[in-house]
């Protein structure tokens, strides 16, 4: 019995490819250029894509921006997928935070500062100030502030933000890095549609 188990384990090990760990990482989250799996991803990009395509996923590699991720194929004109991963609505407040962060990143990329820096740093206070524009009716400022804080934390959980310097004394001074992957969720077209809908709703 032990001999059969050892033989089975060896057979499993022989099936493991040098890029198996990279695929496992991609199925959990994006891979960035500073990750140890990045070079492996570029080396085995073709077999990785071949494997992912079997389960309805497409490998997207953005070398210039330094990240890679997978997304589901749409299998019909209605945008249906095979359902490997579930899609959840973000909710209005979290969507607002996403829009604000994406706009900040696009503005940064279009400015000359990108020559000297590759990351867009932003403070908690700055995000809240930009988000206030989307909420003209803030009768309870304390409640509104706490709600925005929760939405920013949700953006961290979703991988839109990364904590850069941990601040425990004043949350408004907390500094983050806007993750470039956010521009895949909130494209320029999505931002345009969102802002147009918002303008229509805010009209008296």
C-alpha atoms as a PDB file:
ATOM      1  CA  UNK A   1       0.000   0.000   0.000  1.00  0.00           C
ATOM      2  CA  UNK A   2       2.796   2.405   0.928  1.00  0.00           C
ATOM      3  CA  UNK A   3       4.593   1.541  -2.295  1.00  0.00           C
ATOM      4  CA  UNK A   4       1.493   2.443  -4.342  1.00  0.00           C
ATOM      5  CA  UNK A   5       1.121   5.748  -2.486  1.00  0.00           C
ATOM      6  CA  UNK A   6       4.747   6.681  -3.112  1.00  0.00           C
ATOM      7  CA  UNK A   7       4.380   5.766  -6.780  1.00  0.00           C
ATOM      8  CA  UNK A   8       1.223   7.891  -7.053  1.00  0.00           C
ATOM      9  CA  UNK A   9       2.930  10.886  -5.414  1.00  0.00           C
ATOM     10  CA  UNK A  10       5.886  10.624  -7.782  1.00  0.00           C
ATOM     11  CA  UNK A  11       3.511  10.542 -10.735  1.00  0.00           C
ATOM     12  CA  UNK A  12       1.804  13.701  -9.515  1.00  0.00           C
ATOM     13  CA  UNK A  13       5.146  15.430  -9.056  1.00  0.00           C
ATOM     14  CA  UNK A  14       6.179  14.488 -12.592  1.00  0.00           C
ATOM     15  CA  UNK A  15       3.084  16.281 -13.917  1.00  0.00           C
ATOM     16  CA  UNK A  16       3.999  19.577 -12.259  1.00  0.00           C
ATOM     17  CA  UNK A  17       5.286  22.100 -14.773  1.00  0.00           C
ATOM     18  CA  UNK A  18       7.870  24.805 -13.984  1.00  0.00           C
ATOM     19  CA  UNK A  19       5.088  27.373 -14.409  1.00  0.00           C
ATOM     20  CA  UNK A  20       2.436  25.623 -12.271  1.00  0.00           C
ATOM     21  CA  UNK A  21       3.088  27.896  -9.293  1.00  0.00           C
ATOM     22  CA  UNK A  22       2.779  30.946 -11.549  1.00  0.00           C
ATOM     23  CA  UNK A  23      -0.634  29.788 -12.760  1.00  0.00           C
ATOM     24  CA  UNK A  24      -1.789  29.189  -9.198  1.00  0.00           C
ATOM     25  CA  UNK A  25      -0.786  32.755  -8.321  1.00  0.00           C
ATOM     26  CA  UNK A  26      -2.599  34.190 -11.354  1.00  0.00           C
ATOM     27  CA  UNK A  27      -5.793  32.426 -10.335  1.00  0.00           C
ATOM     28  CA  UNK A  28      -5.656  34.238  -6.974  1.00  0.00           C
ATOM     29  CA  UNK A  29      -4.532  37.733  -7.977  1.00  0.00           C
ATOM     30  CA  UNK A  30      -2.486  39.738 -10.456  1.00  0.00           C
ATOM     31  CA  UNK A  31       1.299  39.383 -10.747  1.00  0.00           C
ATOM     32  CA  UNK A  32       3.383  42.556 -10.695  1.00  0.00           C
ATOM     33  CA  UNK A  33       6.861  43.145 -12.097  1.00  0.00           C
ATOM     34  CA  UNK A  34       8.397  43.163  -8.623  1.00  0.00           C
ATOM     35  CA  UNK A  35       6.938  39.734  -7.792  1.00  0.00           C
ATOM     36  CA  UNK A  36       9.226  36.700  -7.901  1.00  0.00           C
ATOM     37  CA  UNK A  37       6.857  35.010 -10.374  1.00  0.00           C
ATOM     38  CA  UNK A  38       7.170  37.805 -12.968  1.00  0.00           C
ATOM     39  CA  UNK A  39      10.212  36.452 -14.824  1.00  0.00           C
ATOM     40  CA  UNK A  40       8.717  32.966 -14.830  1.00  0.00           C
ATOM     41  CA  UNK A  41       5.509  34.386 -16.273  1.00  0.00           C
ATOM     42  CA  UNK A  42       7.351  36.029 -19.160  1.00  0.00           C
ATOM     43  CA  UNK A  43       9.457  32.923 -19.817  1.00  0.00           C
ATOM     44  CA  UNK A  44       6.468  30.558 -19.985  1.00  0.00           C
ATOM     45  CA  UNK A  45       3.840  33.001 -21.242  1.00  0.00           C
ATOM     46  CA  UNK A  46       2.742  30.806 -24.165  1.00  0.00           C
ATOM     47  CA  UNK A  47       2.196  27.505 -22.264  1.00  0.00           C
ATOM     48  CA  UNK A  48       0.543  29.428 -19.433  1.00  0.00           C
ATOM     49  CA  UNK A  49      -1.933  30.946 -21.893  1.00  0.00           C
ATOM     50  CA  UNK A  50      -2.511  27.536 -23.488  1.00  0.00           C
ATOM     51  CA  UNK A  51      -3.425  26.085 -20.092  1.00  0.00           C
ATOM     52  CA  UNK A  52      -5.648  29.000 -19.078  1.00  0.00           C
ATOM     53  CA  UNK A  53      -7.563  28.982 -22.368  1.00  0.00           C
ATOM     54  CA  UNK A  54      -8.780  25.431 -21.630  1.00  0.00           C
ATOM     55  CA  UNK A  55     -10.637  26.727 -18.564  1.00  0.00           C
ATOM     56  CA  UNK A  56     -11.975  29.835 -20.302  1.00  0.00           C
ATOM     57  CA  UNK A  57      -9.390  32.368 -19.125  1.00  0.00           C
ATOM     58  CA  UNK A  58      -7.245  34.827 -21.038  1.00  0.00           C
ATOM     59  CA  UNK A  59      -3.800  35.947 -19.878  1.00  0.00           C
ATOM     60  CA  UNK A  60      -3.283  39.702 -20.126  1.00  0.00           C
ATOM     61  CA  UNK A  61       0.305  40.938 -19.770  1.00  0.00           C
ATOM     62  CA  UNK A  62       0.982  44.679 -19.553  1.00  0.00           C
ATOM     63  CA  UNK A  63       4.783  44.836 -19.606  1.00  0.00           C
ATOM     64  CA  UNK A  64       4.926  48.634 -19.771  1.00  0.00           C
ATOM     65  CA  UNK A  65       2.759  49.035 -16.678  1.00  0.00           C
ATOM     66  CA  UNK A  66       4.364  46.063 -14.976  1.00  0.00           C
ATOM     67  CA  UNK A  67       1.478  43.699 -14.221  1.00  0.00           C
ATOM     68  CA  UNK A  68      -0.349  40.670 -15.561  1.00  0.00           C
ATOM     69  CA  UNK A  69      -3.760  39.178 -14.780  1.00  0.00           C
ATOM     70  CA  UNK A  70      -6.372  36.797 -16.123  1.00  0.00           C
ATOM     71  CA  UNK A  71      -9.920  37.486 -17.232  1.00  0.00           C
ATOM     72  CA  UNK A  72     -12.748  35.278 -18.377  1.00  0.00           C
ATOM     73  CA  UNK A  73     -13.622  34.782 -22.026  1.00  0.00           C
ATOM     74  CA  UNK A  74     -17.051  35.952 -23.102  1.00  0.00           C
ATOM     75  CA  UNK A  75     -18.668  32.980 -24.808  1.00  0.00           C
ATOM     76  CA  UNK A  76     -21.600  34.785 -26.415  1.00  0.00           C
ATOM     77  CA  UNK A  77     -22.818  38.231 -27.485  1.00  0.00           C
ATOM     78  CA  UNK A  78     -24.544  38.744 -24.116  1.00  0.00           C
ATOM     79  CA  UNK A  79     -21.218  38.689 -22.283  1.00  0.00           C
ATOM     80  CA  UNK A  80     -21.723  35.332 -20.572  1.00  0.00           C
ATOM     81  CA  UNK A  81     -18.675  33.375 -19.365  1.00  0.00           C
ATOM     82  CA  UNK A  82     -18.232  29.791 -18.206  1.00  0.00           C
ATOM     83  CA  UNK A  83     -18.645  31.090 -14.646  1.00  0.00           C
ATOM     84  CA  UNK A  84     -15.247  30.122 -13.256  1.00  0.00           C
ATOM     85  CA  UNK A  85     -15.209  33.229 -11.067  1.00  0.00           C
ATOM     86  CA  UNK A  86     -18.196  35.118  -9.691  1.00  0.00           C
ATOM     87  CA  UNK A  87     -18.899  38.780 -10.378  1.00  0.00           C
ATOM     88  CA  UNK A  88     -20.171  40.924  -7.540  1.00  0.00           C
ATOM     89  CA  UNK A  89     -21.535  44.480  -7.842  1.00  0.00           C
ATOM     90  CA  UNK A  90     -19.303  46.969  -6.051  1.00  0.00           C
ATOM     91  CA  UNK A  91     -22.028  49.246  -4.755  1.00  0.00           C
ATOM     92  CA  UNK A  92     -22.230  52.981  -5.404  1.00  0.00           C
ATOM     93  CA  UNK A  93     -19.798  54.245  -2.748  1.00  0.00           C
ATOM     94  CA  UNK A  94     -17.076  51.723  -3.565  1.00  0.00           C
ATOM     95  CA  UNK A  95     -17.600  52.463  -7.275  1.00  0.00           C
ATOM     96  CA  UNK A  96     -17.087  56.157  -6.527  1.00  0.00           C
ATOM     97  CA  UNK A  97     -13.792  55.391  -4.787  1.00  0.00           C
ATOM     98  CA  UNK A  98     -12.777  53.276  -7.773  1.00  0.00           C
ATOM     99  CA  UNK A  99     -13.635  56.094 -10.170  1.00  0.00           C
ATOM    100  CA  UNK A 100     -11.699  58.620  -8.089  1.00  0.00           C
ATOM    101  CA  UNK A 101      -8.625  56.388  -7.929  1.00  0.00           C
ATOM    102  CA  UNK A 102      -8.756  55.569 -11.641  1.00  0.00           C
ATOM    103  CA  UNK A 103      -9.049  59.253 -12.529  1.00  0.00           C
ATOM    104  CA  UNK A 104      -6.076  60.052 -10.311  1.00  0.00           C
ATOM    105  CA  UNK A 105      -4.029  57.348 -12.014  1.00  0.00           C
ATOM    106  CA  UNK A 106      -4.971  58.461 -15.526  1.00  0.00           C
ATOM    107  CA  UNK A 107      -4.132  62.079 -14.648  1.00  0.00           C
ATOM    108  CA  UNK A 108      -0.790  60.964 -13.250  1.00  0.00           C
ATOM    109  CA  UNK A 109       0.064  58.967 -16.370  1.00  0.00           C
ATOM    110  CA  UNK A 110      -0.751  61.919 -18.598  1.00  0.00           C
ATOM    111  CA  UNK A 111       1.384  64.338 -16.591  1.00  0.00           C
ATOM    112  CA  UNK A 112       5.092  64.923 -16.910  1.00  0.00           C
ATOM    113  CA  UNK A 113       5.694  63.548 -13.424  1.00  0.00           C
ATOM    114  CA  UNK A 114       5.622  60.021 -14.832  1.00  0.00           C
ATOM    115  CA  UNK A 115       9.094  60.724 -16.217  1.00  0.00           C
ATOM    116  CA  UNK A 116      10.394  60.904 -12.669  1.00  0.00           C
ATOM    117  CA  UNK A 117       8.072  58.475 -10.874  1.00  0.00           C
ATOM    118  CA  UNK A 118       6.314  55.242 -11.708  1.00  0.00           C
ATOM    119  CA  UNK A 119       3.835  55.027  -8.823  1.00  0.00           C
ATOM    120  CA  UNK A 120       0.913  57.286  -7.931  1.00  0.00           C
ATOM    121  CA  UNK A 121       0.974  57.916  -4.201  1.00  0.00           C
ATOM    122  CA  UNK A 122      -2.125  59.288  -2.552  1.00  0.00           C
ATOM    123  CA  UNK A 123      -3.191  60.093   1.003  1.00  0.00           C
ATOM    124  CA  UNK A 124      -6.434  59.019   2.619  1.00  0.00           C
ATOM    125  CA  UNK A 125      -7.486  62.646   2.977  1.00  0.00           C
ATOM    126  CA  UNK A 126      -6.983  63.310  -0.730  1.00  0.00           C
ATOM    127  CA  UNK A 127      -9.269  60.416  -1.712  1.00  0.00           C
ATOM    128  CA  UNK A 128     -12.016  61.632   0.632  1.00  0.00           C
ATOM    129  CA  UNK A 129     -11.807  65.179  -0.693  1.00  0.00           C
ATOM    130  CA  UNK A 130     -12.154  64.006  -4.287  1.00  0.00           C
ATOM    131  CA  UNK A 131     -14.996  61.648  -3.378  1.00  0.00           C
ATOM    132  CA  UNK A 132     -17.021  64.432  -1.728  1.00  0.00           C
ATOM    133  CA  UNK A 133     -17.874  65.838  -5.153  1.00  0.00           C
ATOM    134  CA  UNK A 134     -20.022  62.782  -5.831  1.00  0.00           C
ATOM    135  CA  UNK A 135     -22.043  63.293  -2.649  1.00  0.00           C
ATOM    136  CA  UNK A 136     -23.444  66.841  -2.639  1.00  0.00           C
ATOM    137  CA  UNK A 137     -25.942  66.059   0.127  1.00  0.00           C
ATOM    138  CA  UNK A 138     -23.842  65.318   3.220  1.00  0.00           C
ATOM    139  CA  UNK A 139     -26.219  66.170   6.072  1.00  0.00           C
ATOM    140  CA  UNK A 140     -24.373  63.965   8.570  1.00  0.00           C
ATOM    141  CA  UNK A 141     -20.677  64.646   7.967  1.00  0.00           C
ATOM    142  CA  UNK A 142     -19.475  62.230  10.646  1.00  0.00           C
ATOM    143  CA  UNK A 143     -21.501  59.356   9.219  1.00  0.00           C
ATOM    144  CA  UNK A 144     -20.432  60.278   5.683  1.00  0.00           C
ATOM    145  CA  UNK A 145     -16.755  60.316   6.687  1.00  0.00           C
ATOM    146  CA  UNK A 146     -16.999  56.879   8.291  1.00  0.00           C
ATOM    147  CA  UNK A 147     -18.807  55.509   5.246  1.00  0.00           C
ATOM    148  CA  UNK A 148     -16.057  56.751   2.919  1.00  0.00           C
ATOM    149  CA  UNK A 149     -13.423  55.273   5.240  1.00  0.00           C
ATOM    150  CA  UNK A 150     -15.128  51.876   4.921  1.00  0.00           C
ATOM    151  CA  UNK A 151     -15.269  52.200   1.140  1.00  0.00           C
ATOM    152  CA  UNK A 152     -11.554  53.014   0.987  1.00  0.00           C
ATOM    153  CA  UNK A 153     -10.831  49.935   3.109  1.00  0.00           C
ATOM    154  CA  UNK A 154     -12.938  47.909   0.680  1.00  0.00           C
ATOM    155  CA  UNK A 155     -10.842  49.287  -2.186  1.00  0.00           C
ATOM    156  CA  UNK A 156      -7.768  47.937  -0.388  1.00  0.00           C
ATOM    157  CA  UNK A 157      -9.418  44.514  -0.064  1.00  0.00           C
ATOM    158  CA  UNK A 158     -10.256  44.558  -3.778  1.00  0.00           C
ATOM    159  CA  UNK A 159      -6.641  45.269  -4.691  1.00  0.00           C
ATOM    160  CA  UNK A 160      -7.214  48.815  -5.962  1.00  0.00           C
ATOM    161  CA  UNK A 161      -5.007  50.336  -3.253  1.00  0.00           C
ATOM    162  CA  UNK A 162      -1.878  49.239  -1.430  1.00  0.00           C
ATOM    163  CA  UNK A 163      -0.859  50.666   1.938  1.00  0.00           C
ATOM    164  CA  UNK A 164       2.515  52.377   1.606  1.00  0.00           C
ATOM    165  CA  UNK A 165       3.122  53.844   5.033  1.00  0.00           C
ATOM    166  CA  UNK A 166       1.064  52.591   7.952  1.00  0.00           C
ATOM    167  CA  UNK A 167      -0.386  55.436  10.035  1.00  0.00           C
ATOM    168  CA  UNK A 168      -2.092  54.582  13.311  1.00  0.00           C
ATOM    169  CA  UNK A 169      -2.436  58.070  14.769  1.00  0.00           C
ATOM    170  CA  UNK A 170      -4.363  59.814  11.976  1.00  0.00           C
ATOM    171  CA  UNK A 171      -6.080  57.830   9.230  1.00  0.00           C
ATOM    172  CA  UNK A 172      -6.269  60.911   6.990  1.00  0.00           C
ATOM    173  CA  UNK A 173      -2.454  60.897   6.756  1.00  0.00           C
ATOM    174  CA  UNK A 174      -2.363  57.268   5.639  1.00  0.00           C
ATOM    175  CA  UNK A 175      -0.499  56.973   2.353  1.00  0.00           C
ATOM    176  CA  UNK A 176      -1.334  54.471  -0.388  1.00  0.00           C
ATOM    177  CA  UNK A 177      -0.171  53.406  -3.819  1.00  0.00           C
ATOM    178  CA  UNK A 178      -2.869  53.244  -6.487  1.00  0.00           C
ATOM    179  CA  UNK A 179      -2.570  49.831  -8.104  1.00  0.00           C
ATOM    180  CA  UNK A 180      -2.377  50.027 -11.894  1.00  0.00           C
ATOM    181  CA  UNK A 181      -4.693  47.046 -12.239  1.00  0.00           C
ATOM    182  CA  UNK A 182      -7.557  49.434 -11.431  1.00  0.00           C
ATOM    183  CA  UNK A 183      -7.411  50.808 -14.978  1.00  0.00           C
ATOM    184  CA  UNK A 184      -8.658  47.416 -16.202  1.00  0.00           C
ATOM    185  CA  UNK A 185     -11.805  47.700 -14.078  1.00  0.00           C
ATOM    186  CA  UNK A 186     -12.366  51.418 -14.574  1.00  0.00           C
ATOM    187  CA  UNK A 187     -11.396  52.150 -18.160  1.00  0.00           C
ATOM    188  CA  UNK A 188     -11.687  55.594 -19.727  1.00  0.00           C
ATOM    189  CA  UNK A 189     -14.976  54.487 -21.287  1.00  0.00           C
ATOM    190  CA  UNK A 190     -16.339  53.353 -17.912  1.00  0.00           C
ATOM    191  CA  UNK A 191     -15.291  56.648 -16.312  1.00  0.00           C
ATOM    192  CA  UNK A 192     -17.001  58.628 -19.051  1.00  0.00           C
ATOM    193  CA  UNK A 193     -20.271  56.691 -18.719  1.00  0.00           C
ATOM    194  CA  UNK A 194     -20.195  56.924 -14.916  1.00  0.00           C
ATOM    195  CA  UNK A 195     -19.620  60.683 -14.931  1.00  0.00           C
ATOM    196  CA  UNK A 196     -22.355  61.283 -17.505  1.00  0.00           C
ATOM    197  CA  UNK A 197     -24.872  59.289 -15.447  1.00  0.00           C
ATOM    198  CA  UNK A 198     -23.847  61.164 -12.326  1.00  0.00           C
ATOM    199  CA  UNK A 199     -24.264  64.568 -13.997  1.00  0.00           C
ATOM    200  CA  UNK A 200     -27.748  63.570 -15.113  1.00  0.00           C
ATOM    201  CA  UNK A 201     -28.706  62.537 -11.572  1.00  0.00           C
ATOM    202  CA  UNK A 202     -27.326  65.722 -10.021  1.00  0.00           C
ATOM    203  CA  UNK A 203     -29.274  68.026 -12.312  1.00  0.00           C
ATOM    204  CA  UNK A 204     -31.951  69.999 -10.401  1.00  0.00           C
END
